[in-house]
Amino acid sequence: MNRNNENSELSIRIFVCRYCGKIVVSGEDRDGRDKRSIFCCSDCEKKFWKRGPVARTKRIRTAEERYEKLKEFINSNKENL
């Protein structure tokens, strides 16, 4: 095993899928990179772009609201995590 792999840091991103609203945890580890940052999967991305601008705006707003609630939850429970 390579020593560089043992000391590598994990890079984690938490986001809400802009189409379905799932909370996604992605990032890099020794096994490989996960570059997702907006959509949980390619199907959600395709569905998002097929909709009109009004539907996209609503979904983005909903995702932002969910993310804010998640942030508040994490901040209020930091001692327990």
PDB file of N, CA and C in Angstrom:
ATOM      1  N   MET A   1       0.846  -1.179   0.000  1.00  0.00           N
ATOM      2  CA  MET A   1       0.000   0.000   0.000  1.00  0.00           C
ATOM      3  C   MET A   1       0.892   1.242   0.000  1.00  0.00           C
ATOM      4  N   ASN A   2       0.517   2.201  -0.743  1.00  0.00           N
ATOM      5  CA  ASN A   2       1.263   3.442  -0.835  1.00  0.00           C
ATOM      6  C   ASN A   2       1.011   4.309   0.399  1.00  0.00           C
ATOM      7  N   ARG A   3       2.074   4.867   0.958  1.00  0.00           N
ATOM      8  CA  ARG A   3       1.916   5.689   2.161  1.00  0.00           C
ATOM      9  C   ARG A   3       1.125   6.955   1.889  1.00  0.00           C
ATOM     10  N   ASN A   4       1.193   7.472   0.688  1.00  0.00           N
ATOM     11  CA  ASN A   4       0.436   8.686   0.354  1.00  0.00           C
ATOM     12  C   ASN A   4      -1.066   8.454   0.481  1.00  0.00           C
ATOM     13  N   ASN A   5      -1.504   7.242   0.165  1.00  0.00           N
ATOM     14  CA  ASN A   5      -2.933   6.935   0.281  1.00  0.00           C
ATOM     15  C   ASN A   5      -3.388   6.913   1.732  1.00  0.00           C
ATOM     16  N   GLU A   6      -2.517   6.485   2.626  1.00  0.00           N
ATOM     17  CA  GLU A   6      -2.876   6.415   4.036  1.00  0.00           C
ATOM     18  C   GLU A   6      -3.076   7.799   4.626  1.00  0.00           C
ATOM     19  N   ASN A   7      -2.314   8.767   4.170  1.00  0.00           N
ATOM     20  CA  ASN A   7      -2.360  10.106   4.728  1.00  0.00           C
ATOM     21  C   ASN A   7      -3.280  11.052   3.964  1.00  0.00           C
ATOM     22  N   SER A   8      -3.885  10.577   2.927  1.00  0.00           N
ATOM     23  CA  SER A   8      -4.735  11.473   2.138  1.00  0.00           C
ATOM     24  C   SER A   8      -5.982  11.851   2.931  1.00  0.00           C
ATOM     25  N   GLU A   9      -6.384  13.089   2.782  1.00  0.00           N
ATOM     26  CA  GLU A   9      -7.561  13.581   3.486  1.00  0.00           C
ATOM     27  C   GLU A   9      -8.809  13.325   2.663  1.00  0.00           C
ATOM     28  N   LEU A  10      -9.914  13.182   3.351  1.00  0.00           N
ATOM     29  CA  LEU A  10     -11.184  13.028   2.676  1.00  0.00           C
ATOM     30  C   LEU A  10     -11.763  14.401   2.393  1.00  0.00           C
ATOM     31  N   SER A  11     -12.263  14.584   1.195  1.00  0.00           N
ATOM     32  CA  SER A  11     -12.910  15.832   0.821  1.00  0.00           C
ATOM     33  C   SER A  11     -14.396  15.514   0.631  1.00  0.00           C
ATOM     34  N   ILE A  12     -15.240  16.070   1.479  1.00  0.00           N
ATOM     35  CA  ILE A  12     -16.656  15.723   1.461  1.00  0.00           C
ATOM     36  C   ILE A  12     -17.495  16.950   1.150  1.00  0.00           C
ATOM     37  N   ARG A  13     -18.483  16.767   0.291  1.00  0.00           N
ATOM     38  CA  ARG A  13     -19.458  17.805  -0.028  1.00  0.00           C
ATOM     39  C   ARG A  13     -20.842  17.295   0.333  1.00  0.00           C
ATOM     40  N   ILE A  14     -21.635  18.170   0.935  1.00  0.00           N
ATOM     41  CA  ILE A  14     -23.022  17.853   1.231  1.00  0.00           C
ATOM     42  C   ILE A  14     -23.873  18.846   0.466  1.00  0.00           C
ATOM     43  N   PHE A  15     -24.825  18.326  -0.307  1.00  0.00           N
ATOM     44  CA  PHE A  15     -25.693  19.204  -1.076  1.00  0.00           C
ATOM     45  C   PHE A  15     -27.052  18.557  -1.264  1.00  0.00           C
ATOM     46  N   VAL A  16     -27.999  19.349  -1.744  1.00  0.00           N
ATOM     47  CA  VAL A  16     -29.340  18.862  -2.022  1.00  0.00           C
ATOM     48  C   VAL A  16     -29.500  18.810  -3.534  1.00  0.00           C
ATOM     49  N   CYS A  17     -29.957  17.670  -4.042  1.00  0.00           N
ATOM     50  CA  CYS A  17     -30.179  17.518  -5.480  1.00  0.00           C
ATOM     51  C   CYS A  17     -31.210  18.548  -5.935  1.00  0.00           C
ATOM     52  N   ARG A  18     -30.907  19.256  -6.997  1.00  0.00           N
ATOM     53  CA  ARG A  18     -31.804  20.309  -7.469  1.00  0.00           C
ATOM     54  C   ARG A  18     -33.060  19.764  -8.132  1.00  0.00           C
ATOM     55  N   TYR A  19     -33.067  18.488  -8.469  1.00  0.00           N
ATOM     56  CA  TYR A  19     -34.279  17.951  -9.088  1.00  0.00           C
ATOM     57  C   TYR A  19     -35.164  17.228  -8.078  1.00  0.00           C
ATOM     58  N   CYS A  20     -34.621  16.221  -7.397  1.00  0.00           N
ATOM     59  CA  CYS A  20     -35.469  15.396  -6.528  1.00  0.00           C
ATOM     60  C   CYS A  20     -35.441  15.822  -5.063  1.00  0.00           C
ATOM     61  N   GLY A  21     -34.465  16.643  -4.670  1.00  0.00           N
ATOM     62  CA  GLY A  21     -34.407  17.127  -3.295  1.00  0.00           C
ATOM     63  C   GLY A  21     -33.708  16.201  -2.315  1.00  0.00           C
ATOM     64  N   LYS A  22     -33.045  15.157  -2.796  1.00  0.00           N
ATOM     65  CA  LYS A  22     -32.308  14.253  -1.906  1.00  0.00           C
ATOM     66  C   LYS A  22     -31.100  14.967  -1.327  1.00  0.00           C
ATOM     67  N   ILE A  23     -30.768  14.629  -0.095  1.00  0.00           N
ATOM     68  CA  ILE A  23     -29.542  15.123   0.522  1.00  0.00           C
ATOM     69  C   ILE A  23     -28.436  14.154   0.129  1.00  0.00           C
ATOM     70  N   VAL A  24     -27.382  14.683  -0.503  1.00  0.00           N
ATOM     71  CA  VAL A  24     -26.320  13.854  -1.048  1.00  0.00           C
ATOM     72  C   VAL A  24     -25.000  14.194  -0.361  1.00  0.00           C
ATOM     73  N   VAL A  25     -24.266  13.167   0.012  1.00  0.00           N
ATOM     74  CA  VAL A  25     -22.922  13.334   0.548  1.00  0.00           C
ATOM     75  C   VAL A  25     -21.977  12.733  -0.483  1.00  0.00           C
ATOM     76  N   SER A  26     -21.109  13.563  -1.040  1.00  0.00           N
ATOM     77  CA  SER A  26     -20.167  13.073  -2.047  1.00  0.00           C
ATOM     78  C   SER A  26     -18.797  13.642  -1.764  1.00  0.00           C
ATOM     79  N   GLY A  27     -17.797  13.108  -2.411  1.00  0.00           N
ATOM     80  CA  GLY A  27     -16.451  13.614  -2.209  1.00  0.00           C
ATOM     81  C   GLY A  27     -15.406  12.672  -2.744  1.00  0.00           C
ATOM     82  N   GLU A  28     -14.184  12.880  -2.286  1.00  0.00           N
ATOM     83  CA  GLU A  28     -13.060  12.078  -2.735  1.00  0.00           C
ATOM     84  C   GLU A  28     -12.561  11.208  -1.586  1.00  0.00           C
ATOM     85  N   ASP A  29     -12.134  10.025  -1.936  1.00  0.00           N
ATOM     86  CA  ASP A  29     -11.456   9.171  -0.976  1.00  0.00           C
ATOM     87  C   ASP A  29     -10.408   8.368  -1.718  1.00  0.00           C
ATOM     88  N   ARG A  30      -9.859   7.398  -1.075  1.00  0.00           N
ATOM     89  CA  ARG A  30      -8.796   6.617  -1.716  1.00  0.00           C
ATOM     90  C   ARG A  30      -9.297   5.833  -2.919  1.00  0.00           C
ATOM     91  N   ASP A  31     -10.572   5.498  -2.939  1.00  0.00           N
ATOM     92  CA  ASP A  31     -11.107   4.673  -4.019  1.00  0.00           C
ATOM     93  C   ASP A  31     -11.348   5.455  -5.301  1.00  0.00           C
ATOM     94  N   GLY A  32     -11.557   6.749  -5.200  1.00  0.00           N
ATOM     95  CA  GLY A  32     -11.798   7.515  -6.409  1.00  0.00           C
ATOM     96  C   GLY A  32     -12.487   8.833  -6.113  1.00  0.00           C
ATOM     97  N   ARG A  33     -12.757   9.564  -7.161  1.00  0.00           N
ATOM     98  CA  ARG A  33     -13.366  10.877  -7.021  1.00  0.00           C
ATOM     99  C   ARG A  33     -14.856  10.816  -7.331  1.00  0.00           C
ATOM    100  N   ASP A  34     -15.587  11.609  -6.602  1.00  0.00           N
ATOM    101  CA  ASP A  34     -17.016  11.775  -6.842  1.00  0.00           C
ATOM    102  C   ASP A  34     -17.224  13.268  -7.040  1.00  0.00           C
ATOM    103  N   LYS A  35     -17.452  13.685  -8.273  1.00  0.00           N
ATOM    104  CA  LYS A  35     -17.480  15.110  -8.595  1.00  0.00           C
ATOM    105  C   LYS A  35     -18.881  15.715  -8.569  1.00  0.00           C
ATOM    106  N   ARG A  36     -19.867  14.958  -8.095  1.00  0.00           N
ATOM    107  CA  ARG A  36     -21.224  15.502  -8.068  1.00  0.00           C
ATOM    108  C   ARG A  36     -21.288  16.717  -7.159  1.00  0.00           C
ATOM    109  N   SER A  37     -22.057  17.720  -7.583  1.00  0.00           N
ATOM    110  CA  SER A  37     -22.213  18.905  -6.738  1.00  0.00           C
ATOM    111  C   SER A  37     -23.579  19.553  -6.881  1.00  0.00           C
ATOM    112  N   ILE A  38     -24.385  19.113  -7.854  1.00  0.00           N
ATOM    113  CA  ILE A  38     -25.701  19.716  -8.059  1.00  0.00           C
ATOM    114  C   ILE A  38     -26.799  18.654  -8.116  1.00  0.00           C
ATOM    115  N   PHE A  39     -26.560  17.562  -8.829  1.00  0.00           N
ATOM    116  CA  PHE A  39     -27.565  16.514  -9.018  1.00  0.00           C
ATOM    117  C   PHE A  39     -27.071  15.201  -8.428  1.00  0.00           C
ATOM    118  N   CYS A  40     -28.015  14.377  -7.933  1.00  0.00           N
ATOM    119  CA  CYS A  40     -27.622  13.103  -7.328  1.00  0.00           C
ATOM    120  C   CYS A  40     -27.277  12.050  -8.380  1.00  0.00           C
ATOM    121  N   CYS A  41     -27.839  12.175  -9.585  1.00  0.00           N
ATOM    122  CA  CYS A  41     -27.564  11.207 -10.644  1.00  0.00           C
ATOM    123  C   CYS A  41     -27.806  11.852 -12.006  1.00  0.00           C
ATOM    124  N   SER A  42     -27.415  11.156 -13.041  1.00  0.00           N
ATOM    125  CA  SER A  42     -27.565  11.705 -14.390  1.00  0.00           C
ATOM    126  C   SER A  42     -29.038  11.789 -14.806  1.00  0.00           C
ATOM    127  N   ASP A  43     -29.868  10.882 -14.297  1.00  0.00           N
ATOM    128  CA  ASP A  43     -31.297  10.941 -14.627  1.00  0.00           C
ATOM    129  C   ASP A  43     -31.937  12.231 -14.122  1.00  0.00           C
ATOM    130  N   CYS A  44     -31.597  12.630 -12.888  1.00  0.00           N
ATOM    131  CA  CYS A  44     -32.140  13.875 -12.334  1.00  0.00           C
ATOM    132  C   CYS A  44     -31.659  15.075 -13.138  1.00  0.00           C
ATOM    133  N   GLU A  45     -30.412  15.034 -13.582  1.00  0.00           N
ATOM    134  CA  GLU A  45     -29.898  16.146 -14.380  1.00  0.00           C
ATOM    135  C   GLU A  45     -30.654  16.269 -15.703  1.00  0.00           C
ATOM    136  N   LYS A  46     -30.893  15.139 -16.365  1.00  0.00           N
ATOM    137  CA  LYS A  46     -31.622  15.156 -17.637  1.00  0.00           C
ATOM    138  C   LYS A  46     -33.051  15.665 -17.444  1.00  0.00           C
ATOM    139  N   LYS A  47     -33.711  15.179 -16.394  1.00  0.00           N
ATOM    140  CA  LYS A  47     -35.085  15.608 -16.123  1.00  0.00           C
ATOM    141  C   LYS A  47     -35.144  17.091 -15.792  1.00  0.00           C
ATOM    142  N   PHE A  48     -34.148  17.586 -15.053  1.00  0.00           N
ATOM    143  CA  PHE A  48     -34.104  18.998 -14.674  1.00  0.00           C
ATOM    144  C   PHE A  48     -34.050  19.886 -15.918  1.00  0.00           C
ATOM    145  N   TRP A  49     -33.195  19.554 -16.853  1.00  0.00           N
ATOM    146  CA  TRP A  49     -33.017  20.400 -18.036  1.00  0.00           C
ATOM    147  C   TRP A  49     -34.147  20.254 -19.040  1.00  0.00           C
ATOM    148  N   LYS A  50     -34.950  19.191 -18.965  1.00  0.00           N
ATOM    149  CA  LYS A  50     -36.103  19.040 -19.853  1.00  0.00           C
ATOM    150  C   LYS A  50     -37.250  19.963 -19.464  1.00  0.00           C
ATOM    151  N   ARG A  51     -37.297  20.350 -18.198  1.00  0.00           N
ATOM    152  CA  ARG A  51     -38.372  21.221 -17.710  1.00  0.00           C
ATOM    153  C   ARG A  51     -38.120  22.656 -18.131  1.00  0.00           C
ATOM    154  N   GLY A  52     -39.163  23.471 -18.091  1.00  0.00           N
ATOM    155  CA  GLY A  52     -39.051  24.880 -18.432  1.00  0.00           C
ATOM    156  C   GLY A  52     -38.368  25.689 -17.336  1.00  0.00           C
ATOM    157  N   PRO A  53     -38.045  26.946 -17.628  1.00  0.00           N
ATOM    158  CA  PRO A  53     -37.337  27.788 -16.651  1.00  0.00           C
ATOM    159  C   PRO A  53     -38.115  28.011 -15.355  1.00  0.00           C
ATOM    160  N   VAL A  54     -39.432  28.083 -15.421  1.00  0.00           N
ATOM    161  CA  VAL A  54     -40.231  28.303 -14.210  1.00  0.00           C
ATOM    162  C   VAL A  54     -40.120  27.095 -13.282  1.00  0.00           C
ATOM    163  N   ALA A  55     -40.223  25.905 -13.830  1.00  0.00           N
ATOM    164  CA  ALA A  55     -40.109  24.681 -13.024  1.00  0.00           C
ATOM    165  C   ALA A  55     -38.711  24.561 -12.430  1.00  0.00           C
ATOM    166  N   ARG A  56     -37.693  24.915 -13.218  1.00  0.00           N
ATOM    167  CA  ARG A  56     -36.316  24.854 -12.711  1.00  0.00           C
ATOM    168  C   ARG A  56     -36.136  25.810 -11.542  1.00  0.00           C
ATOM    169  N   THR A  57     -36.671  27.020 -11.659  1.00  0.00           N
ATOM    170  CA  THR A  57     -36.549  28.016 -10.589  1.00  0.00           C
ATOM    171  C   THR A  57     -37.205  27.519  -9.311  1.00  0.00           C
ATOM    172  N   LYS A  58     -38.390  26.907  -9.425  1.00  0.00           N
ATOM    173  CA  LYS A  58     -39.077  26.373  -8.246  1.00  0.00           C
ATOM    174  C   LYS A  58     -38.265  25.269  -7.585  1.00  0.00           C
ATOM    175  N   ARG A  59     -37.703  24.378  -8.392  1.00  0.00           N
ATOM    176  CA  ARG A  59     -36.921  23.271  -7.831  1.00  0.00           C
ATOM    177  C   ARG A  59     -35.646  23.779  -7.163  1.00  0.00           C
ATOM    178  N   ILE A  60     -35.018  24.785  -7.747  1.00  0.00           N
ATOM    179  CA  ILE A  60     -33.819  25.358  -7.142  1.00  0.00           C
ATOM    180  C   ILE A  60     -34.171  25.991  -5.801  1.00  0.00           C
ATOM    181  N   ARG A  61     -35.276  26.722  -5.756  1.00  0.00           N
ATOM    182  CA  ARG A  61     -35.704  27.360  -4.515  1.00  0.00           C
ATOM    183  C   ARG A  61     -35.994  26.313  -3.444  1.00  0.00           C
ATOM    184  N   THR A  62     -36.663  25.235  -3.814  1.00  0.00           N
ATOM    185  CA  THR A  62     -36.965  24.161  -2.864  1.00  0.00           C
ATOM    186  C   THR A  62     -35.678  23.518  -2.342  1.00  0.00           C
ATOM    187  N   ALA A  63     -34.711  23.278  -3.243  1.00  0.00           N
ATOM    188  CA  ALA A  63     -33.440  22.685  -2.834  1.00  0.00           C
ATOM    189  C   ALA A  63     -32.698  23.607  -1.875  1.00  0.00           C
ATOM    190  N   GLU A  64     -32.711  24.912  -2.145  1.00  0.00           N
ATOM    191  CA  GLU A  64     -32.041  25.866  -1.256  1.00  0.00           C
ATOM    192  C   GLU A  64     -32.691  25.898   0.121  1.00  0.00           C
ATOM    193  N   GLU A  65     -34.035  25.827   0.170  1.00  0.00           N
ATOM    194  CA  GLU A  65     -34.730  25.806   1.456  1.00  0.00           C
ATOM    195  C   GLU A  65     -34.372  24.553   2.249  1.00  0.00           C
ATOM    196  N   ARG A  66     -34.319  23.395   1.580  1.00  0.00           N
ATOM    197  CA  ARG A  66     -33.952  22.147   2.259  1.00  0.00           C
ATOM    198  C   ARG A  66     -32.527  22.214   2.786  1.00  0.00           C
ATOM    199  N   TYR A  67     -31.641  22.813   1.991  1.00  0.00           N
ATOM    200  CA  TYR A  67     -30.253  22.921   2.412  1.00  0.00           C
ATOM    201  C   TYR A  67     -30.130  23.812   3.645  1.00  0.00           C
ATOM    202  N   GLU A  68     -30.863  24.904   3.682  1.00  0.00           N
ATOM    203  CA  GLU A  68     -30.836  25.799   4.844  1.00  0.00           C
ATOM    204  C   GLU A  68     -31.353  25.081   6.096  1.00  0.00           C
ATOM    205  N   LYS A  69     -32.421  24.285   5.955  1.00  0.00           N
ATOM    206  CA  LYS A  69     -32.942  23.516   7.089  1.00  0.00           C
ATOM    207  C   LYS A  69     -31.901  22.505   7.575  1.00  0.00           C
ATOM    208  N   LEU A  70     -31.215  21.856   6.631  1.00  0.00           N
ATOM    209  CA  LEU A  70     -30.175  20.898   6.992  1.00  0.00           C
ATOM    210  C   LEU A  70     -29.042  21.594   7.732  1.00  0.00           C
ATOM    211  N   LYS A  71     -28.622  22.768   7.251  1.00  0.00           N
ATOM    212  CA  LYS A  71     -27.566  23.521   7.912  1.00  0.00           C
ATOM    213  C   LYS A  71     -27.967  23.909   9.333  1.00  0.00           C
ATOM    214  N   GLU A  72     -29.199  24.364   9.501  1.00  0.00           N
ATOM    215  CA  GLU A  72     -29.688  24.725  10.837  1.00  0.00           C
ATOM    216  C   GLU A  72     -29.693  23.509  11.758  1.00  0.00           C
ATOM    217  N   PHE A  73     -30.129  22.369  11.242  1.00  0.00           N
ATOM    218  CA  PHE A  73     -30.162  21.141  12.032  1.00  0.00           C
ATOM    219  C   PHE A  73     -28.760  20.747  12.478  1.00  0.00           C
ATOM    220  N   ILE A  74     -27.814  20.797  11.562  1.00  0.00           N
ATOM    221  CA  ILE A  74     -26.440  20.418  11.891  1.00  0.00           C
ATOM    222  C   ILE A  74     -25.854  21.387  12.914  1.00  0.00           C
ATOM    223  N   ASN A  75     -26.074  22.676  12.720  1.00  0.00           N
ATOM    224  CA  ASN A  75     -25.539  23.674  13.655  1.00  0.00           C
ATOM    225  C   ASN A  75     -26.152  23.542  15.052  1.00  0.00           C
ATOM    226  N   SER A  76     -27.436  23.209  15.138  1.00  0.00           N
ATOM    227  CA  SER A  76     -28.083  23.078  16.443  1.00  0.00           C
ATOM    228  C   SER A  76     -27.688  21.773  17.148  1.00  0.00           C
ATOM    229  N   ASN A  77     -27.206  20.791  16.410  1.00  0.00           N
ATOM    230  CA  ASN A  77     -26.852  19.494  17.006  1.00  0.00           C
ATOM    231  C   ASN A  77     -25.361  19.187  16.933  1.00  0.00           C
ATOM    232  N   LYS A  78     -24.517  20.199  16.866  1.00  0.00           N
ATOM    233  CA  LYS A  78     -23.075  19.955  16.740  1.00  0.00           C
ATOM    234  C   LYS A  78     -22.514  19.160  17.906  1.00  0.00           C
ATOM    235  N   GLU A  79     -23.007  19.392  19.123  1.00  0.00           N
ATOM    236  CA  GLU A  79     -22.474  18.677  20.276  1.00  0.00           C
ATOM    237  C   GLU A  79     -22.787  17.190  20.206  1.00  0.00           C
ATOM    238  N   ASN A  80     -23.903  16.831  19.589  1.00  0.00           N
ATOM    239  CA  ASN A  80     -24.326  15.432  19.548  1.00  0.00           C
ATOM    240  C   ASN A  80     -23.698  14.651  18.402  1.00  0.00           C
ATOM    241  N   LEU A  81     -23.116  15.337  17.423  1.00  0.00           N
ATOM    242  CA  LEU A  81     -22.564  14.649  16.251  1.00  0.00           C
ATOM    243  C   LEU A  81     -21.171  14.190  16.461  1.00  0.00           C
TER     244      LEU A  81
END
